[in-house]
């Protein structure tokens, strides 16, 4: 996810997939995809990474 968010080309490709595939009825903007991706990292990925790190530190 971080690699996708860091690459303009990959983000454009993801948007293309949404616009012409999965989300064709309500296509998101590139900015919306970027915002959702950042939120996913913040709300889901980082907490899981922190939990995994805590388990590694305890074990």
PDB file of N, CA and C in Angstrom:
ATOM      1  N   UNK A   1       0.830  -1.172   0.000  1.00  0.00           N
ATOM      2  CA  UNK A   1       0.000   0.000   0.000  1.00  0.00           C
ATOM      3  C   UNK A   1       0.881   1.244   0.000  1.00  0.00           C
ATOM      4  N   UNK A   2       1.926   1.225   0.814  1.00  0.00           N
ATOM      5  CA  UNK A   2       2.811   2.400   0.852  1.00  0.00           C
ATOM      6  C   UNK A   2       3.495   2.617  -0.494  1.00  0.00           C
ATOM      7  N   UNK A   3       3.889   1.515  -1.144  1.00  0.00           N
ATOM      8  CA  UNK A   3       4.507   1.639  -2.461  1.00  0.00           C
ATOM      9  C   UNK A   3       3.520   2.233  -3.464  1.00  0.00           C
ATOM     10  N   UNK A   4       2.274   1.788  -3.412  1.00  0.00           N
ATOM     11  CA  UNK A   4       1.248   2.316  -4.300  1.00  0.00           C
ATOM     12  C   UNK A   4       1.049   3.812  -4.073  1.00  0.00           C
ATOM     13  N   UNK A   5       0.967   4.210  -2.820  1.00  0.00           N
ATOM     14  CA  UNK A   5       0.752   5.617  -2.503  1.00  0.00           C
ATOM     15  C   UNK A   5       1.948   6.484  -2.891  1.00  0.00           C
ATOM     16  N   UNK A   6       3.115   5.879  -2.938  1.00  0.00           N
ATOM     17  CA  UNK A   6       4.325   6.625  -3.273  1.00  0.00           C
ATOM     18  C   UNK A   6       4.633   6.695  -4.751  1.00  0.00           C
ATOM     19  N   UNK A   7       3.833   6.046  -5.569  1.00  0.00           N
ATOM     20  CA  UNK A   7       4.102   6.004  -7.001  1.00  0.00           C
ATOM     21  C   UNK A   7       2.942   6.613  -7.786  1.00  0.00           C
ATOM     22  N   UNK A   8       3.198   7.712  -8.458  1.00  0.00           N
ATOM     23  CA  UNK A   8       2.159   8.359  -9.266  1.00  0.00           C
ATOM     24  C   UNK A   8       1.656   7.435 -10.362  1.00  0.00           C
ATOM     25  N   UNK A   9       2.558   6.717 -10.988  1.00  0.00           N
ATOM     26  CA  UNK A   9       2.174   5.795 -12.071  1.00  0.00           C
ATOM     27  C   UNK A   9       1.280   4.678 -11.545  1.00  0.00           C
ATOM     28  N   UNK A  10       1.647   4.079 -10.426  1.00  0.00           N
ATOM     29  CA  UNK A  10       0.826   3.008  -9.849  1.00  0.00           C
ATOM     30  C   UNK A  10      -0.527   3.527  -9.400  1.00  0.00           C
ATOM     31  N   UNK A  11      -0.555   4.725  -8.857  1.00  0.00           N
ATOM     32  CA  UNK A  11      -1.818   5.315  -8.421  1.00  0.00           C
ATOM     33  C   UNK A  11      -2.723   5.597  -9.616  1.00  0.00           C
ATOM     34  N   UNK A  12      -2.154   6.086 -10.708  1.00  0.00           N
ATOM     35  CA  UNK A  12      -2.949   6.301 -11.932  1.00  0.00           C
ATOM     36  C   UNK A  12      -3.509   4.985 -12.447  1.00  0.00           C
ATOM     37  N   UNK A  13      -2.702   3.931 -12.390  1.00  0.00           N
ATOM     38  CA  UNK A  13      -3.159   2.620 -12.842  1.00  0.00           C
ATOM     39  C   UNK A  13      -4.296   2.094 -11.955  1.00  0.00           C
ATOM     40  N   UNK A  14      -4.175   2.297 -10.656  1.00  0.00           N
ATOM     41  CA  UNK A  14      -5.237   1.878  -9.736  1.00  0.00           C
ATOM     42  C   UNK A  14      -6.519   2.654 -10.024  1.00  0.00           C
ATOM     43  N   UNK A  15      -6.402   3.944 -10.272  1.00  0.00           N
ATOM     44  CA  UNK A  15      -7.580   4.749 -10.599  1.00  0.00           C
ATOM     45  C   UNK A  15      -8.218   4.263 -11.894  1.00  0.00           C
ATOM     46  N   UNK A  16      -7.403   3.958 -12.888  1.00  0.00           N
ATOM     47  CA  UNK A  16      -7.920   3.441 -14.154  1.00  0.00           C
ATOM     48  C   UNK A  16      -8.730   2.162 -13.917  1.00  0.00           C
ATOM     49  N   UNK A  17      -8.206   1.282 -13.069  1.00  0.00           N
ATOM     50  CA  UNK A  17      -8.911   0.042 -12.749  1.00  0.00           C
ATOM     51  C   UNK A  17     -10.263   0.341 -12.105  1.00  0.00           C
ATOM     52  N   UNK A  18     -10.293   1.321 -11.232  1.00  0.00           N
ATOM     53  CA  UNK A  18     -11.554   1.692 -10.579  1.00  0.00           C
ATOM     54  C   UNK A  18     -12.533   2.322 -11.565  1.00  0.00           C
ATOM     55  N   UNK A  19     -12.032   3.237 -12.391  1.00  0.00           N
ATOM     56  CA  UNK A  19     -12.894   3.976 -13.308  1.00  0.00           C
ATOM     57  C   UNK A  19     -13.502   3.054 -14.363  1.00  0.00           C
ATOM     58  N   UNK A  20     -12.718   2.107 -14.848  1.00  0.00           N
ATOM     59  CA  UNK A  20     -13.187   1.254 -15.937  1.00  0.00           C
ATOM     60  C   UNK A  20     -13.545  -0.155 -15.487  1.00  0.00           C
ATOM     61  N   UNK A  21     -13.522  -0.386 -14.186  1.00  0.00           N
ATOM     62  CA  UNK A  21     -13.824  -1.732 -13.694  1.00  0.00           C
ATOM     63  C   UNK A  21     -14.704  -1.700 -12.477  1.00  0.00           C
ATOM     64  N   UNK A  22     -14.094  -1.929 -11.342  1.00  0.00           N
ATOM     65  CA  UNK A  22     -14.813  -2.134 -10.097  1.00  0.00           C
ATOM     66  C   UNK A  22     -15.773  -1.015  -9.724  1.00  0.00           C
ATOM     67  N   UNK A  23     -15.383   0.226  -9.906  1.00  0.00           N
ATOM     68  CA  UNK A  23     -16.180   1.361  -9.439  1.00  0.00           C
ATOM     69  C   UNK A  23     -16.640   2.239 -10.597  1.00  0.00           C
ATOM     70  N   UNK A  24     -16.939   1.621 -11.739  1.00  0.00           N
ATOM     71  CA  UNK A  24     -17.260   2.393 -12.936  1.00  0.00           C
ATOM     72  C   UNK A  24     -18.467   3.308 -12.751  1.00  0.00           C
ATOM     73  N   UNK A  25     -19.403   2.939 -11.897  1.00  0.00           N
ATOM     74  CA  UNK A  25     -20.592   3.771 -11.696  1.00  0.00           C
ATOM     75  C   UNK A  25     -20.298   5.044 -10.903  1.00  0.00           C
ATOM     76  N   UNK A  26     -19.325   4.996 -10.000  1.00  0.00           N
ATOM     77  CA  UNK A  26     -18.940   6.158  -9.197  1.00  0.00           C
ATOM     78  C   UNK A  26     -17.421   6.230  -9.110  1.00  0.00           C
ATOM     79  N   UNK A  27     -16.777   6.607 -10.201  1.00  0.00           N
ATOM     80  CA  UNK A  27     -15.308   6.592 -10.219  1.00  0.00           C
ATOM     81  C   UNK A  27     -14.711   7.624  -9.259  1.00  0.00           C
ATOM     82  N   UNK A  28     -13.718   7.208  -8.473  1.00  0.00           N
ATOM     83  CA  UNK A  28     -13.053   8.139  -7.557  1.00  0.00           C
ATOM     84  C   UNK A  28     -11.987   8.946  -8.290  1.00  0.00           C
ATOM     85  N   UNK A  29     -11.668  10.088  -7.738  1.00  0.00           N
ATOM     86  CA  UNK A  29     -10.552  10.869  -8.264  1.00  0.00           C
ATOM     87  C   UNK A  29      -9.249  10.283  -7.731  1.00  0.00           C
ATOM     88  N   UNK A  30      -8.159  10.667  -8.334  1.00  0.00           N
ATOM     89  CA  UNK A  30      -6.852  10.234  -7.843  1.00  0.00           C
ATOM     90  C   UNK A  30      -6.647  10.719  -6.416  1.00  0.00           C
ATOM     91  N   UNK A  31      -7.087  11.939  -6.132  1.00  0.00           N
ATOM     92  CA  UNK A  31      -6.948  12.496  -4.789  1.00  0.00           C
ATOM     93  C   UNK A  31      -7.745  11.685  -3.768  1.00  0.00           C
ATOM     94  N   UNK A  32      -8.941  11.239  -4.153  1.00  0.00           N
ATOM     95  CA  UNK A  32      -9.765  10.427  -3.245  1.00  0.00           C
ATOM     96  C   UNK A  32      -9.100   9.084  -2.967  1.00  0.00           C
ATOM     97  N   UNK A  33      -8.547   8.452  -4.009  1.00  0.00           N
ATOM     98  CA  UNK A  33      -7.838   7.185  -3.799  1.00  0.00           C
ATOM     99  C   UNK A  33      -6.645   7.370  -2.876  1.00  0.00           C
ATOM    100  N   UNK A  34      -5.918   8.440  -3.057  1.00  0.00           N
ATOM    101  CA  UNK A  34      -4.759   8.729  -2.219  1.00  0.00           C
ATOM    102  C   UNK A  34      -5.194   8.924  -0.770  1.00  0.00           C
ATOM    103  N   UNK A  35      -6.267   9.669  -0.560  1.00  0.00           N
ATOM    104  CA  UNK A  35      -6.764   9.912   0.795  1.00  0.00           C
ATOM    105  C   UNK A  35      -7.220   8.618   1.462  1.00  0.00           C
ATOM    106  N   UNK A  36      -7.926   7.773   0.727  1.00  0.00           N
ATOM    107  CA  UNK A  36      -8.389   6.498   1.288  1.00  0.00           C
ATOM    108  C   UNK A  36      -7.207   5.590   1.592  1.00  0.00           C
ATOM    109  N   UNK A  37      -6.234   5.561   0.713  1.00  0.00           N
ATOM    110  CA  UNK A  37      -5.050   4.746   0.947  1.00  0.00           C
ATOM    111  C   UNK A  37      -4.287   5.184   2.178  1.00  0.00           C
ATOM    112  N   UNK A  38      -4.128   6.489   2.335  1.00  0.00           N
ATOM    113  CA  UNK A  38      -3.435   7.002   3.526  1.00  0.00           C
ATOM    114  C   UNK A  38      -4.214   6.668   4.794  1.00  0.00           C
ATOM    115  N   UNK A  39      -5.525   6.768   4.711  1.00  0.00           N
ATOM    116  CA  UNK A  39      -6.364   6.448   5.878  1.00  0.00           C
ATOM    117  C   UNK A  39      -6.259   4.969   6.214  1.00  0.00           C
ATOM    118  N   UNK A  40      -6.224   4.110   5.198  1.00  0.00           N
ATOM    119  CA  UNK A  40      -6.067   2.678   5.419  1.00  0.00           C
ATOM    120  C   UNK A  40      -4.746   2.376   6.125  1.00  0.00           C
ATOM    121  N   UNK A  41      -3.682   3.005   5.680  1.00  0.00           N
ATOM    122  CA  UNK A  41      -2.384   2.813   6.328  1.00  0.00           C
ATOM    123  C   UNK A  41      -2.459   3.258   7.786  1.00  0.00           C
ATOM    124  N   UNK A  42      -3.025   4.428   8.020  1.00  0.00           N
ATOM    125  CA  UNK A  42      -3.094   4.991   9.368  1.00  0.00           C
ATOM    126  C   UNK A  42      -4.011   4.180  10.288  1.00  0.00           C
ATOM    127  N   UNK A  43      -5.170   3.790   9.798  1.00  0.00           N
ATOM    128  CA  UNK A  43      -6.175   3.157  10.656  1.00  0.00           C
ATOM    129  C   UNK A  43      -6.063   1.644  10.763  1.00  0.00           C
ATOM    130  N   UNK A  44      -5.454   1.000   9.786  1.00  0.00           N
ATOM    131  CA  UNK A  44      -5.415  -0.469   9.803  1.00  0.00           C
ATOM    132  C   UNK A  44      -3.999  -1.037   9.796  1.00  0.00           C
ATOM    133  N   UNK A  45      -3.187  -0.589   8.868  1.00  0.00           N
ATOM    134  CA  UNK A  45      -1.868  -1.196   8.706  1.00  0.00           C
ATOM    135  C   UNK A  45      -0.933  -0.838   9.853  1.00  0.00           C
ATOM    136  N   UNK A  46      -0.857   0.446  10.208  1.00  0.00           N
ATOM    137  CA  UNK A  46       0.057   0.844  11.286  1.00  0.00           C
ATOM    138  C   UNK A  46      -0.309   0.211  12.629  1.00  0.00           C
ATOM    139  N   UNK A  47      -1.592   0.145  13.008  1.00  0.00           N
ATOM    140  CA  UNK A  47      -1.914  -0.547  14.268  1.00  0.00           C
ATOM    141  C   UNK A  47      -1.526  -2.026  14.252  1.00  0.00           C
ATOM    142  N   UNK A  48      -1.703  -2.697  13.131  1.00  0.00           N
ATOM    143  CA  UNK A  48      -1.302  -4.103  13.037  1.00  0.00           C
ATOM    144  C   UNK A  48       0.215  -4.253  13.131  1.00  0.00           C
ATOM    145  N   UNK A  49       0.938  -3.342  12.501  1.00  0.00           N
ATOM    146  CA  UNK A  49       2.393  -3.374  12.607  1.00  0.00           C
ATOM    147  C   UNK A  49       2.836  -3.156  14.048  1.00  0.00           C
ATOM    148  N   UNK A  50       2.192  -2.223  14.740  1.00  0.00           N
ATOM    149  CA  UNK A  50       2.551  -1.949  16.135  1.00  0.00           C
ATOM    150  C   UNK A  50       2.265  -3.157  17.011  1.00  0.00           C
ATOM    151  N   UNK A  51       1.144  -3.813  16.776  1.00  0.00           N
ATOM    152  CA  UNK A  51       0.801  -5.007  17.531  1.00  0.00           C
ATOM    153  C   UNK A  51       1.816  -6.127  17.299  1.00  0.00           C
ATOM    154  N   UNK A  52       2.186  -6.301  16.058  1.00  0.00           N
ATOM    155  CA  UNK A  52       3.175  -7.322  15.731  1.00  0.00           C
ATOM    156  C   UNK A  52       4.522  -7.012  16.384  1.00  0.00           C
ATOM    157  N   UNK A  53       4.895  -5.738  16.403  1.00  0.00           N
ATOM    158  CA  UNK A  53       6.148  -5.340  17.031  1.00  0.00           C
ATOM    159  C   UNK A  53       6.104  -5.591  18.540  1.00  0.00           C
ATOM    160  N   UNK A  54       4.977  -5.297  19.167  1.00  0.00           N
ATOM    161  CA  UNK A  54       4.829  -5.546  20.605  1.00  0.00           C
ATOM    162  C   UNK A  54       4.975  -7.033  20.909  1.00  0.00           C
ATOM    163  N   UNK A  55       4.395  -7.875  20.065  1.00  0.00           N
ATOM    164  CA  UNK A  55       4.509  -9.326  20.265  1.00  0.00           C
ATOM    165  C   UNK A  55       5.949  -9.789  20.073  1.00  0.00           C
ATOM    166  N   UNK A  56       6.643  -9.212  19.091  1.00  0.00           N
ATOM    167  CA  UNK A  56       8.050  -9.566  18.885  1.00  0.00           C
ATOM    168  C   UNK A  56       8.901  -9.143  20.076  1.00  0.00           C
ATOM    169  N   UNK A  57       8.619  -7.958  20.617  1.00  0.00           N
ATOM    170  CA  UNK A  57       9.372  -7.454  21.759  1.00  0.00           C
ATOM    171  C   UNK A  57       9.114  -8.287  23.008  1.00  0.00           C
ATOM    172  N   UNK A  58       7.895  -8.797  23.170  1.00  0.00           N
ATOM    173  CA  UNK A  58       7.525  -9.585  24.356  1.00  0.00           C
ATOM    174  C   UNK A  58       8.062 -11.018  24.252  1.00  0.00           C
ATOM    175  N   UNK A  59       8.222 -11.504  23.055  1.00  0.00           N
ATOM    176  CA  UNK A  59       8.597 -12.906  22.878  1.00  0.00           C
ATOM    177  C   UNK A  59      10.021 -13.091  22.672  1.00  0.00           C
TER     178      UNK A  59
END
